[in-house]
Amino acid sequence: MRQKKHKPEEIVATLREVDVSVSQGRSVAEAVRPIGVTQVAYCRWRKE
């Protein structure tokens, strides 16, 4: 299975979206699920 390459702009938008959801009281796992990114990818992006 081929992996999708996310553009830097998409990564920043996704990080902001998850941050908003987390600030509203959702867990990271719940915030990441509807976006279609794994929690591991989210944590890796945050580290970068």
PDB file of N, CA and C in Angstrom:
ATOM      1  N   MET A   1       0.844  -1.175   0.000  1.00  0.00           N
ATOM      2  CA  MET A   1       0.000   0.000   0.000  1.00  0.00           C
ATOM      3  C   MET A   1       0.892   1.242   0.000  1.00  0.00           C
ATOM      4  N   ARG A   2       0.561   2.179  -0.823  1.00  0.00           N
ATOM      5  CA  ARG A   2       1.343   3.397  -0.969  1.00  0.00           C
ATOM      6  C   ARG A   2       0.907   4.437   0.053  1.00  0.00           C
ATOM      7  N   GLN A   3       1.871   5.108   0.653  1.00  0.00           N
ATOM      8  CA  GLN A   3       1.576   6.130   1.642  1.00  0.00           C
ATOM      9  C   GLN A   3       1.412   7.484   0.973  1.00  0.00           C
ATOM     10  N   LYS A   4       0.561   8.298   1.553  1.00  0.00           N
ATOM     11  CA  LYS A   4       0.328   9.634   1.027  1.00  0.00           C
ATOM     12  C   LYS A   4       1.369  10.592   1.600  1.00  0.00           C
ATOM     13  N   LYS A   5       1.921  11.407   0.740  1.00  0.00           N
ATOM     14  CA  LYS A   5       2.844  12.450   1.188  1.00  0.00           C
ATOM     15  C   LYS A   5       2.027  13.703   1.478  1.00  0.00           C
ATOM     16  N   HIS A   6       2.124  14.186   2.681  1.00  0.00           N
ATOM     17  CA  HIS A   6       1.414  15.402   3.056  1.00  0.00           C
ATOM     18  C   HIS A   6       2.319  16.603   2.812  1.00  0.00           C
ATOM     19  N   LYS A   7       1.747  17.641   2.271  1.00  0.00           N
ATOM     20  CA  LYS A   7       2.489  18.880   2.037  1.00  0.00           C
ATOM     21  C   LYS A   7       2.614  19.636   3.362  1.00  0.00           C
ATOM     22  N   PRO A   8       3.652  20.455   3.498  1.00  0.00           N
ATOM     23  CA  PRO A   8       3.823  21.211   4.746  1.00  0.00           C
ATOM     24  C   PRO A   8       2.600  22.053   5.120  1.00  0.00           C
ATOM     25  N   GLU A   9       1.931  22.612   4.126  1.00  0.00           N
ATOM     26  CA  GLU A   9       0.745  23.427   4.411  1.00  0.00           C
ATOM     27  C   GLU A   9      -0.370  22.561   5.010  1.00  0.00           C
ATOM     28  N   GLU A  10      -0.521  21.347   4.491  1.00  0.00           N
ATOM     29  CA  GLU A  10      -1.538  20.431   5.013  1.00  0.00           C
ATOM     30  C   GLU A  10      -1.209  20.018   6.443  1.00  0.00           C
ATOM     31  N   ILE A  11       0.071  19.803   6.715  1.00  0.00           N
ATOM     32  CA  ILE A  11       0.490  19.393   8.053  1.00  0.00           C
ATOM     33  C   ILE A  11       0.179  20.501   9.059  1.00  0.00           C
ATOM     34  N   VAL A  12       0.503  21.737   8.710  1.00  0.00           N
ATOM     35  CA  VAL A  12       0.247  22.865   9.617  1.00  0.00           C
ATOM     36  C   VAL A  12      -1.252  23.020   9.867  1.00  0.00           C
ATOM     37  N   ALA A  13      -2.042  22.892   8.821  1.00  0.00           N
ATOM     38  CA  ALA A  13      -3.500  23.013   8.971  1.00  0.00           C
ATOM     39  C   ALA A  13      -4.042  21.903   9.870  1.00  0.00           C
ATOM     40  N   THR A  14      -3.533  20.698   9.697  1.00  0.00           N
ATOM     41  CA  THR A  14      -3.976  19.571  10.516  1.00  0.00           C
ATOM     42  C   THR A  14      -3.581  19.770  11.968  1.00  0.00           C
ATOM     43  N   LEU A  15      -2.363  20.231  12.211  1.00  0.00           N
ATOM     44  CA  LEU A  15      -1.916  20.475  13.586  1.00  0.00           C
ATOM     45  C   LEU A  15      -2.789  21.522  14.268  1.00  0.00           C
ATOM     46  N   ARG A  16      -3.138  22.570  13.547  1.00  0.00           N
ATOM     47  CA  ARG A  16      -3.998  23.614  14.128  1.00  0.00           C
ATOM     48  C   ARG A  16      -5.391  23.070  14.426  1.00  0.00           C
ATOM     49  N   GLU A  17      -5.903  22.263  13.509  1.00  0.00           N
ATOM     50  CA  GLU A  17      -7.237  21.683  13.691  1.00  0.00           C
ATOM     51  C   GLU A  17      -7.282  20.791  14.932  1.00  0.00           C
ATOM     52  N   VAL A  18      -6.254  19.976  15.098  1.00  0.00           N
ATOM     53  CA  VAL A  18      -6.191  19.084  16.258  1.00  0.00           C
ATOM     54  C   VAL A  18      -6.022  19.899  17.533  1.00  0.00           C
ATOM     55  N   ASP A  19      -5.206  20.947  17.501  1.00  0.00           N
ATOM     56  CA  ASP A  19      -5.020  21.790  18.677  1.00  0.00           C
ATOM     57  C   ASP A  19      -6.334  22.420  19.127  1.00  0.00           C
ATOM     58  N   VAL A  20      -7.142  22.848  18.182  1.00  0.00           N
ATOM     59  CA  VAL A  20      -8.443  23.431  18.517  1.00  0.00           C
ATOM     60  C   VAL A  20      -9.336  22.377  19.174  1.00  0.00           C
ATOM     61  N   SER A  21      -9.362  21.182  18.621  1.00  0.00           N
ATOM     62  CA  SER A  21     -10.191  20.116  19.190  1.00  0.00           C
ATOM     63  C   SER A  21      -9.725  19.734  20.586  1.00  0.00           C
ATOM     64  N   VAL A  22      -8.417  19.672  20.784  1.00  0.00           N
ATOM     65  CA  VAL A  22      -7.877  19.317  22.098  1.00  0.00           C
ATOM     66  C   VAL A  22      -8.192  20.416  23.106  1.00  0.00           C
ATOM     67  N   SER A  23      -8.139  21.670  22.689  1.00  0.00           N
ATOM     68  CA  SER A  23      -8.440  22.768  23.606  1.00  0.00           C
ATOM     69  C   SER A  23      -9.916  22.777  24.012  1.00  0.00           C
ATOM     70  N   GLN A  24     -10.768  22.141  23.213  1.00  0.00           N
ATOM     71  CA  GLN A  24     -12.190  22.045  23.532  1.00  0.00           C
ATOM     72  C   GLN A  24     -12.481  20.858  24.441  1.00  0.00           C
ATOM     73  N   GLY A  25     -11.442  20.123  24.844  1.00  0.00           N
ATOM     74  CA  GLY A  25     -11.633  19.053  25.813  1.00  0.00           C
ATOM     75  C   GLY A  25     -11.577  17.646  25.252  1.00  0.00           C
ATOM     76  N   ARG A  26     -11.322  17.496  23.972  1.00  0.00           N
ATOM     77  CA  ARG A  26     -11.221  16.158  23.387  1.00  0.00           C
ATOM     78  C   ARG A  26      -9.816  15.617  23.585  1.00  0.00           C
ATOM     79  N   SER A  27      -9.685  14.306  23.590  1.00  0.00           N
ATOM     80  CA  SER A  27      -8.356  13.708  23.670  1.00  0.00           C
ATOM     81  C   SER A  27      -7.707  13.769  22.294  1.00  0.00           C
ATOM     82  N   VAL A  28      -6.401  13.567  22.256  1.00  0.00           N
ATOM     83  CA  VAL A  28      -5.677  13.609  20.985  1.00  0.00           C
ATOM     84  C   VAL A  28      -6.194  12.510  20.063  1.00  0.00           C
ATOM     85  N   ALA A  29      -6.428  11.326  20.605  1.00  0.00           N
ATOM     86  CA  ALA A  29      -6.917  10.212  19.789  1.00  0.00           C
ATOM     87  C   ALA A  29      -8.272  10.540  19.157  1.00  0.00           C
ATOM     88  N   GLU A  30      -9.160  11.166  19.918  1.00  0.00           N
ATOM     89  CA  GLU A  30     -10.476  11.536  19.387  1.00  0.00           C
ATOM     90  C   GLU A  30     -10.369  12.662  18.363  1.00  0.00           C
ATOM     91  N   ALA A  31      -9.423  13.572  18.565  1.00  0.00           N
ATOM     92  CA  ALA A  31      -9.278  14.708  17.665  1.00  0.00           C
ATOM     93  C   ALA A  31      -8.646  14.313  16.337  1.00  0.00           C
ATOM     94  N   VAL A  32      -7.782  13.308  16.355  1.00  0.00           N
ATOM     95  CA  VAL A  32      -7.051  12.903  15.162  1.00  0.00           C
ATOM     96  C   VAL A  32      -7.877  11.966  14.278  1.00  0.00           C
ATOM     97  N   ARG A  33      -8.729  11.170  14.884  1.00  0.00           N
ATOM     98  CA  ARG A  33      -9.492  10.144  14.151  1.00  0.00           C
ATOM     99  C   ARG A  33     -10.285  10.688  12.966  1.00  0.00           C
ATOM    100  N   PRO A  34     -11.087  11.741  13.102  1.00  0.00           N
ATOM    101  CA  PRO A  34     -11.875  12.207  11.941  1.00  0.00           C
ATOM    102  C   PRO A  34     -11.031  12.837  10.834  1.00  0.00           C
ATOM    103  N   ILE A  35      -9.830  13.272  11.161  1.00  0.00           N
ATOM    104  CA  ILE A  35      -8.970  13.902  10.164  1.00  0.00           C
ATOM    105  C   ILE A  35      -8.327  12.867   9.253  1.00  0.00           C
ATOM    106  N   GLY A  36      -8.171  11.651   9.752  1.00  0.00           N
ATOM    107  CA  GLY A  36      -7.603  10.588   8.932  1.00  0.00           C
ATOM    108  C   GLY A  36      -6.100  10.454   9.060  1.00  0.00           C
ATOM    109  N   VAL A  37      -5.556  10.920  10.173  1.00  0.00           N
ATOM    110  CA  VAL A  37      -4.122  10.807  10.429  1.00  0.00           C
ATOM    111  C   VAL A  37      -3.957   9.981  11.693  1.00  0.00           C
ATOM    112  N   THR A  38      -2.911   9.175  11.730  1.00  0.00           N
ATOM    113  CA  THR A  38      -2.682   8.383  12.931  1.00  0.00           C
ATOM    114  C   THR A  38      -2.112   9.251  14.035  1.00  0.00           C
ATOM    115  N   GLN A  39      -2.254   8.763  15.255  1.00  0.00           N
ATOM    116  CA  GLN A  39      -1.737   9.493  16.394  1.00  0.00           C
ATOM    117  C   GLN A  39      -0.208   9.547  16.348  1.00  0.00           C
ATOM    118  N   VAL A  40       0.417   8.509  15.821  1.00  0.00           N
ATOM    119  CA  VAL A  40       1.872   8.473  15.688  1.00  0.00           C
ATOM    120  C   VAL A  40       2.342   9.563  14.723  1.00  0.00           C
ATOM    121  N   ALA A  41       1.659   9.696  13.596  1.00  0.00           N
ATOM    122  CA  ALA A  41       2.020  10.734  12.623  1.00  0.00           C
ATOM    123  C   ALA A  41       1.843  12.117  13.232  1.00  0.00           C
ATOM    124  N   TYR A  42       0.766  12.311  13.971  1.00  0.00           N
ATOM    125  CA  TYR A  42       0.520  13.595  14.621  1.00  0.00           C
ATOM    126  C   TYR A  42       1.654  13.941  15.583  1.00  0.00           C
ATOM    127  N   CYS A  43       2.082  12.993  16.404  1.00  0.00           N
ATOM    128  CA  CYS A  43       3.159  13.228  17.369  1.00  0.00           C
ATOM    129  C   CYS A  43       4.480  13.502  16.651  1.00  0.00           C
ATOM    130  N   ARG A  44       4.718  12.812  15.553  1.00  0.00           N
ATOM    131  CA  ARG A  44       5.941  13.035  14.767  1.00  0.00           C
ATOM    132  C   ARG A  44       5.937  14.445  14.173  1.00  0.00           C
ATOM    133  N   TRP A  45       4.789  14.876  13.662  1.00  0.00           N
ATOM    134  CA  TRP A  45       4.685  16.211  13.093  1.00  0.00           C
ATOM    135  C   TRP A  45       4.891  17.277  14.167  1.00  0.00           C
ATOM    136  N   ARG A  46       4.343  17.049  15.374  1.00  0.00           N
ATOM    137  CA  ARG A  46       4.515  18.006  16.458  1.00  0.00           C
ATOM    138  C   ARG A  46       5.988  18.151  16.832  1.00  0.00           C
ATOM    139  N   LYS A  47       6.704  17.031  16.786  1.00  0.00           N
ATOM    140  CA  LYS A  47       8.116  17.045  17.155  1.00  0.00           C
ATOM    141  C   LYS A  47       8.923  17.859  16.151  1.00  0.00           C
ATOM    142  N   GLU A  48       8.564  17.766  14.872  1.00  0.00           N
ATOM    143  CA  GLU A  48       9.253  18.529  13.831  1.00  0.00           C
ATOM    144  C   GLU A  48       8.933  19.980  13.966  1.00  0.00           C
TER     145      GLU A  48
END
